[in-house]
Amino acid sequence: MNSTYALHETLEVHEIAAFKTVCLTKAKTMQLLVSDEQLKSILQEEAQLASRQLEELRGVLSKAAGREKTV
């Protein structure tokens, strides 16, 4: 499937990436502050998930940037 992204779609992906970056930062910071092991585990899972999602978003953005250069 050959899809191209409109500018507003690319900007929305940037917004999502910014939000997930804040989520990752907060989860990692809170891991250091909490003493409950179950909560630490939840925060660690959230940090791992946010990292994977940011990698996916990075891939989407790099494809969008690559298409813009060829136009």
PDB file of N, CA and C in Angstrom:
ATOM      1  N   MET A   1       0.844  -1.186   0.000  1.00  0.00           N
ATOM      2  CA  MET A   1       0.000   0.000   0.000  1.00  0.00           C
ATOM      3  C   MET A   1       0.880   1.237   0.000  1.00  0.00           C
ATOM      4  N   ASN A   2       0.755   2.055  -0.989  1.00  0.00           N
ATOM      5  CA  ASN A   2       1.559   3.252  -1.120  1.00  0.00           C
ATOM      6  C   ASN A   2       0.735   4.445  -0.667  1.00  0.00           C
ATOM      7  N   SER A   3       0.965   4.891   0.551  1.00  0.00           N
ATOM      8  CA  SER A   3       0.199   6.019   1.060  1.00  0.00           C
ATOM      9  C   SER A   3       1.118   7.201   1.296  1.00  0.00           C
ATOM     10  N   THR A   4       0.574   8.382   1.087  1.00  0.00           N
ATOM     11  CA  THR A   4       1.316   9.602   1.383  1.00  0.00           C
ATOM     12  C   THR A   4       0.588  10.308   2.507  1.00  0.00           C
ATOM     13  N   TYR A   5       1.335  11.116   3.229  1.00  0.00           N
ATOM     14  CA  TYR A   5       0.767  11.811   4.372  1.00  0.00           C
ATOM     15  C   TYR A   5       0.584  13.283   4.049  1.00  0.00           C
ATOM     16  N   ALA A   6      -0.590  13.788   4.392  1.00  0.00           N
ATOM     17  CA  ALA A   6      -0.822  15.217   4.262  1.00  0.00           C
ATOM     18  C   ALA A   6      -0.099  15.917   5.411  1.00  0.00           C
ATOM     19  N   LEU A   7       0.133  17.201   5.280  1.00  0.00           N
ATOM     20  CA  LEU A   7       0.859  17.959   6.295  1.00  0.00           C
ATOM     21  C   LEU A   7       0.183  17.858   7.656  1.00  0.00           C
ATOM     22  N   HIS A   8      -1.149  17.966   7.681  1.00  0.00           N
ATOM     23  CA  HIS A   8      -1.836  17.913   8.974  1.00  0.00           C
ATOM     24  C   HIS A   8      -1.678  16.539   9.639  1.00  0.00           C
ATOM     25  N   GLU A   9      -1.568  15.490   8.841  1.00  0.00           N
ATOM     26  CA  GLU A   9      -1.360  14.154   9.408  1.00  0.00           C
ATOM     27  C   GLU A   9       0.033  14.035  10.020  1.00  0.00           C
ATOM     28  N   THR A  10       1.005  14.587   9.331  1.00  0.00           N
ATOM     29  CA  THR A  10       2.372  14.574   9.852  1.00  0.00           C
ATOM     30  C   THR A  10       2.449  15.368  11.149  1.00  0.00           C
ATOM     31  N   LEU A  11       1.788  16.507  11.183  1.00  0.00           N
ATOM     32  CA  LEU A  11       1.785  17.316  12.406  1.00  0.00           C
ATOM     33  C   LEU A  11       1.096  16.588  13.557  1.00  0.00           C
ATOM     34  N   GLU A  12       0.038  15.850  13.262  1.00  0.00           N
ATOM     35  CA  GLU A  12      -0.645  15.079  14.303  1.00  0.00           C
ATOM     36  C   GLU A  12       0.262  13.990  14.860  1.00  0.00           C
ATOM     37  N   VAL A  13       1.039  13.355  13.993  1.00  0.00           N
ATOM     38  CA  VAL A  13       1.991  12.338  14.461  1.00  0.00           C
ATOM     39  C   VAL A  13       3.043  12.989  15.349  1.00  0.00           C
ATOM     40  N   HIS A  14       3.480  14.188  14.999  1.00  0.00           N
ATOM     41  CA  HIS A  14       4.429  14.919  15.847  1.00  0.00           C
ATOM     42  C   HIS A  14       3.816  15.196  17.224  1.00  0.00           C
ATOM     43  N   GLU A  15       2.548  15.582  17.251  1.00  0.00           N
ATOM     44  CA  GLU A  15       1.871  15.840  18.520  1.00  0.00           C
ATOM     45  C   GLU A  15       1.782  14.577  19.369  1.00  0.00           C
ATOM     46  N   ILE A  16       1.476  13.463  18.744  1.00  0.00           N
ATOM     47  CA  ILE A  16       1.394  12.189  19.464  1.00  0.00           C
ATOM     48  C   ILE A  16       2.775  11.817  20.006  1.00  0.00           C
ATOM     49  N   ALA A  17       3.799  12.020  19.188  1.00  0.00           N
ATOM     50  CA  ALA A  17       5.160  11.709  19.626  1.00  0.00           C
ATOM     51  C   ALA A  17       5.559  12.585  20.816  1.00  0.00           C
ATOM     52  N   ALA A  18       5.182  13.840  20.795  1.00  0.00           N
ATOM     53  CA  ALA A  18       5.493  14.731  21.917  1.00  0.00           C
ATOM     54  C   ALA A  18       4.781  14.251  23.181  1.00  0.00           C
ATOM     55  N   PHE A  19       3.531  13.857  23.050  1.00  0.00           N
ATOM     56  CA  PHE A  19       2.769  13.358  24.195  1.00  0.00           C
ATOM     57  C   PHE A  19       3.391  12.079  24.748  1.00  0.00           C
ATOM     58  N   LYS A  20       3.758  11.159  23.870  1.00  0.00           N
ATOM     59  CA  LYS A  20       4.363   9.896  24.324  1.00  0.00           C
ATOM     60  C   LYS A  20       5.723  10.148  24.967  1.00  0.00           C
ATOM     61  N   THR A  21       6.443  11.169  24.515  1.00  0.00           N
ATOM     62  CA  THR A  21       7.709  11.527  25.143  1.00  0.00           C
ATOM     63  C   THR A  21       7.483  11.993  26.577  1.00  0.00           C
ATOM     64  N   VAL A  22       6.444  12.782  26.782  1.00  0.00           N
ATOM     65  CA  VAL A  22       6.097  13.225  28.138  1.00  0.00           C
ATOM     66  C   VAL A  22       5.705  12.018  28.994  1.00  0.00           C
ATOM     67  N   CYS A  23       4.935  11.095  28.436  1.00  0.00           N
ATOM     68  CA  CYS A  23       4.547   9.888  29.168  1.00  0.00           C
ATOM     69  C   CYS A  23       5.773   9.079  29.580  1.00  0.00           C
ATOM     70  N   LEU A  24       6.709   8.924  28.668  1.00  0.00           N
ATOM     71  CA  LEU A  24       7.927   8.170  28.946  1.00  0.00           C
ATOM     72  C   LEU A  24       8.745   8.850  30.041  1.00  0.00           C
ATOM     73  N   THR A  25       8.907  10.156  29.937  1.00  0.00           N
ATOM     74  CA  THR A  25       9.664  10.908  30.935  1.00  0.00           C
ATOM     75  C   THR A  25       9.022  10.792  32.311  1.00  0.00           C
ATOM     76  N   LYS A  26       7.713  10.929  32.358  1.00  0.00           N
ATOM     77  CA  LYS A  26       7.011  10.852  33.638  1.00  0.00           C
ATOM     78  C   LYS A  26       7.111   9.451  34.240  1.00  0.00           C
ATOM     79  N   ALA A  27       6.941   8.429  33.429  1.00  0.00           N
ATOM     80  CA  ALA A  27       7.014   7.053  33.932  1.00  0.00           C
ATOM     81  C   ALA A  27       8.406   6.755  34.485  1.00  0.00           C
ATOM     82  N   LYS A  28       9.437   7.176  33.764  1.00  0.00           N
ATOM     83  CA  LYS A  28      10.811   6.916  34.224  1.00  0.00           C
ATOM     84  C   LYS A  28      11.127   7.700  35.489  1.00  0.00           C
ATOM     85  N   THR A  29      10.667   8.932  35.567  1.00  0.00           N
ATOM     86  CA  THR A  29      10.912   9.752  36.751  1.00  0.00           C
ATOM     87  C   THR A  29      10.176   9.198  37.968  1.00  0.00           C
ATOM     88  N   MET A  30       8.934   8.820  37.768  1.00  0.00           N
ATOM     89  CA  MET A  30       8.134   8.319  38.886  1.00  0.00           C
ATOM     90  C   MET A  30       8.662   6.989  39.407  1.00  0.00           C
ATOM     91  N   GLN A  31       9.291   6.190  38.552  1.00  0.00           N
ATOM     92  CA  GLN A  31       9.885   4.919  38.995  1.00  0.00           C
ATOM     93  C   GLN A  31      10.890   5.159  40.108  1.00  0.00           C
ATOM     94  N   LEU A  32      11.602   6.263  40.030  1.00  0.00           N
ATOM     95  CA  LEU A  32      12.621   6.579  41.025  1.00  0.00           C
ATOM     96  C   LEU A  32      12.017   7.073  42.335  1.00  0.00           C
ATOM     97  N   LEU A  33      10.782   7.558  42.276  1.00  0.00           N
ATOM     98  CA  LEU A  33      10.181   8.188  43.448  1.00  0.00           C
ATOM     99  C   LEU A  33       9.249   7.277  44.240  1.00  0.00           C
ATOM    100  N   VAL A  34       8.702   6.244  43.609  1.00  0.00           N
ATOM    101  CA  VAL A  34       7.727   5.403  44.298  1.00  0.00           C
ATOM    102  C   VAL A  34       8.426   4.266  45.035  1.00  0.00           C
ATOM    103  N   SER A  35       7.791   3.832  46.110  1.00  0.00           N
ATOM    104  CA  SER A  35       8.367   2.728  46.881  1.00  0.00           C
ATOM    105  C   SER A  35       7.580   1.427  46.694  1.00  0.00           C
ATOM    106  N   ASP A  36       6.348   1.528  46.209  1.00  0.00           N
ATOM    107  CA  ASP A  36       5.525   0.334  46.006  1.00  0.00           C
ATOM    108  C   ASP A  36       6.028  -0.446  44.786  1.00  0.00           C
ATOM    109  N   GLU A  37       6.354  -1.706  44.992  1.00  0.00           N
ATOM    110  CA  GLU A  37       6.934  -2.521  43.911  1.00  0.00           C
ATOM    111  C   GLU A  37       5.954  -2.762  42.771  1.00  0.00           C
ATOM    112  N   GLN A  38       4.678  -2.924  43.086  1.00  0.00           N
ATOM    113  CA  GLN A  38       3.688  -3.144  42.030  1.00  0.00           C
ATOM    114  C   GLN A  38       3.564  -1.897  41.154  1.00  0.00           C
ATOM    115  N   LEU A  39       3.558  -0.746  41.781  1.00  0.00           N
ATOM    116  CA  LEU A  39       3.483   0.500  41.017  1.00  0.00           C
ATOM    117  C   LEU A  39       4.749   0.705  40.187  1.00  0.00           C
ATOM    118  N   LYS A  40       5.899   0.372  40.725  1.00  0.00           N
ATOM    119  CA  LYS A  40       7.148   0.449  39.964  1.00  0.00           C
ATOM    120  C   LYS A  40       7.085  -0.434  38.731  1.00  0.00           C
ATOM    121  N   SER A  41       6.515  -1.621  38.899  1.00  0.00           N
ATOM    122  CA  SER A  41       6.388  -2.552  37.779  1.00  0.00           C
ATOM    123  C   SER A  41       5.481  -1.972  36.691  1.00  0.00           C
ATOM    124  N   ILE A  42       4.381  -1.381  37.106  1.00  0.00           N
ATOM    125  CA  ILE A  42       3.459  -0.763  36.149  1.00  0.00           C
ATOM    126  C   ILE A  42       4.155   0.366  35.404  1.00  0.00           C
ATOM    127  N   LEU A  43       4.898   1.183  36.136  1.00  0.00           N
ATOM    128  CA  LEU A  43       5.616   2.298  35.509  1.00  0.00           C
ATOM    129  C   LEU A  43       6.688   1.804  34.558  1.00  0.00           C
ATOM    130  N   GLN A  44       7.345   0.712  34.905  1.00  0.00           N
ATOM    131  CA  GLN A  44       8.362   0.145  34.024  1.00  0.00           C
ATOM    132  C   GLN A  44       7.729  -0.366  32.731  1.00  0.00           C
ATOM    133  N   GLU A  45       6.593  -1.039  32.857  1.00  0.00           N
ATOM    134  CA  GLU A  45       5.879  -1.507  31.657  1.00  0.00           C
ATOM    135  C   GLU A  45       5.453  -0.335  30.785  1.00  0.00           C
ATOM    136  N   GLU A  46       4.963   0.740  31.419  1.00  0.00           N
ATOM    137  CA  GLU A  46       4.551   1.927  30.672  1.00  0.00           C
ATOM    138  C   GLU A  46       5.735   2.550  29.946  1.00  0.00           C
ATOM    139  N   ALA A  47       6.886   2.604  30.597  1.00  0.00           N
ATOM    140  CA  ALA A  47       8.084   3.170  29.969  1.00  0.00           C
ATOM    141  C   ALA A  47       8.504   2.326  28.766  1.00  0.00           C
ATOM    142  N   GLN A  48       8.448   1.022  28.897  1.00  0.00           N
ATOM    143  CA  GLN A  48       8.811   0.144  27.777  1.00  0.00           C
ATOM    144  C   GLN A  48       7.836   0.309  26.614  1.00  0.00           C
ATOM    145  N   LEU A  49       6.549   0.384  26.940  1.00  0.00           N
ATOM    146  CA  LEU A  49       5.531   0.559  25.906  1.00  0.00           C
ATOM    147  C   LEU A  49       5.709   1.897  25.192  1.00  0.00           C
ATOM    148  N   ALA A  50       5.915   2.951  25.959  1.00  0.00           N
ATOM    149  CA  ALA A  50       6.092   4.274  25.360  1.00  0.00           C
ATOM    150  C   ALA A  50       7.331   4.297  24.465  1.00  0.00           C
ATOM    151  N   SER A  51       8.386   3.619  24.872  1.00  0.00           N
ATOM    152  CA  SER A  51       9.599   3.555  24.048  1.00  0.00           C
ATOM    153  C   SER A  51       9.327   2.865  22.717  1.00  0.00           C
ATOM    154  N   ARG A  52       8.613   1.744  22.765  1.00  0.00           N
ATOM    155  CA  ARG A  52       8.271   1.037  21.514  1.00  0.00           C
ATOM    156  C   ARG A  52       7.392   1.905  20.626  1.00  0.00           C
ATOM    157  N   GLN A  53       6.418   2.581  21.227  1.00  0.00           N
ATOM    158  CA  GLN A  53       5.528   3.424  20.441  1.00  0.00           C
ATOM    159  C   GLN A  53       6.285   4.589  19.808  1.00  0.00           C
ATOM    160  N   LEU A  54       7.228   5.156  20.544  1.00  0.00           N
ATOM    161  CA  LEU A  54       8.033   6.245  19.971  1.00  0.00           C
ATOM    162  C   LEU A  54       8.877   5.760  18.808  1.00  0.00           C
ATOM    163  N   GLU A  55       9.396   4.550  18.888  1.00  0.00           N
ATOM    164  CA  GLU A  55      10.154   3.985  17.764  1.00  0.00           C
ATOM    165  C   GLU A  55       9.263   3.837  16.536  1.00  0.00           C
ATOM    166  N   GLU A  56       8.037   3.369  16.738  1.00  0.00           N
ATOM    167  CA  GLU A  56       7.090   3.254  15.615  1.00  0.00           C
ATOM    168  C   GLU A  56       6.797   4.617  15.013  1.00  0.00           C
ATOM    169  N   LEU A  57       6.546   5.595  15.876  1.00  0.00           N
ATOM    170  CA  LEU A  57       6.245   6.939  15.391  1.00  0.00           C
ATOM    171  C   LEU A  57       7.444   7.529  14.657  1.00  0.00           C
ATOM    172  N   ARG A  58       8.648   7.242  15.134  1.00  0.00           N
ATOM    173  CA  ARG A  58       9.858   7.706  14.455  1.00  0.00           C
ATOM    174  C   ARG A  58       9.916   7.133  13.041  1.00  0.00           C
ATOM    175  N   GLY A  59       9.547   5.874  12.902  1.00  0.00           N
ATOM    176  CA  GLY A  59       9.522   5.257  11.583  1.00  0.00           C
ATOM    177  C   GLY A  59       8.515   5.919  10.656  1.00  0.00           C
ATOM    178  N   VAL A  60       7.348   6.203  11.186  1.00  0.00           N
ATOM    179  CA  VAL A  60       6.315   6.875  10.386  1.00  0.00           C
ATOM    180  C   VAL A  60       6.811   8.251   9.950  1.00  0.00           C
ATOM    181  N   LEU A  61       7.406   8.981  10.888  1.00  0.00           N
ATOM    182  CA  LEU A  61       7.879  10.330  10.556  1.00  0.00           C
ATOM    183  C   LEU A  61       9.037  10.309   9.571  1.00  0.00           C
ATOM    184  N   SER A  62       9.903   9.326   9.679  1.00  0.00           N
ATOM    185  CA  SER A  62      11.025   9.258   8.739  1.00  0.00           C
ATOM    186  C   SER A  62      10.521   8.910   7.336  1.00  0.00           C
ATOM    187  N   LYS A  63       9.514   8.056   7.245  1.00  0.00           N
ATOM    188  CA  LYS A  63       8.927   7.763   5.924  1.00  0.00           C
ATOM    189  C   LYS A  63       8.266   8.998   5.343  1.00  0.00           C
ATOM    190  N   ALA A  64       7.564   9.754   6.207  1.00  0.00           N
ATOM    191  CA  ALA A  64       6.910  10.973   5.735  1.00  0.00           C
ATOM    192  C   ALA A  64       7.942  11.988   5.277  1.00  0.00           C
ATOM    193  N   ALA A  65       9.043  12.103   6.002  1.00  0.00           N
ATOM    194  CA  ALA A  65      10.104  13.048   5.628  1.00  0.00           C
ATOM    195  C   ALA A  65      10.762  12.602   4.322  1.00  0.00           C
ATOM    196  N   GLY A  66      10.939  11.319   4.141  1.00  0.00           N
ATOM    197  CA  GLY A  66      11.534  10.811   2.918  1.00  0.00           C
ATOM    198  C   GLY A  66      10.691  11.099   1.697  1.00  0.00           C
ATOM    199  N   ARG A  67       9.393  11.004   1.848  1.00  0.00           N
ATOM    200  CA  ARG A  67       8.480  11.304   0.741  1.00  0.00           C
ATOM    201  C   ARG A  67       8.481  12.781   0.415  1.00  0.00           C
ATOM    202  N   GLU A  68       8.578  13.627   1.458  1.00  0.00           N
ATOM    203  CA  GLU A  68       8.567  15.070   1.206  1.00  0.00           C
ATOM    204  C   GLU A  68       9.781  15.503   0.395  1.00  0.00           C
ATOM    205  N   LYS A  69      10.920  14.830   0.623  1.00  0.00           N
ATOM    206  CA  LYS A  69      12.143  15.195  -0.090  1.00  0.00           C
ATOM    207  C   LYS A  69      12.079  14.817  -1.554  1.00  0.00           C
ATOM    208  N   THR A  70      11.301  13.774  -1.884  1.00  0.00           N
ATOM    209  CA  THR A  70      11.226  13.336  -3.274  1.00  0.00           C
ATOM    210  C   THR A  70      10.219  14.135  -4.087  1.00  0.00           C
ATOM    211  N   VAL A  71       9.382  14.921  -3.421  1.00  0.00           N
ATOM    212  CA  VAL A  71       8.347  15.680  -4.125  1.00  0.00           C
ATOM    213  C   VAL A  71       8.911  16.946  -4.698  1.00  0.00           C
TER     214      VAL A  71
END
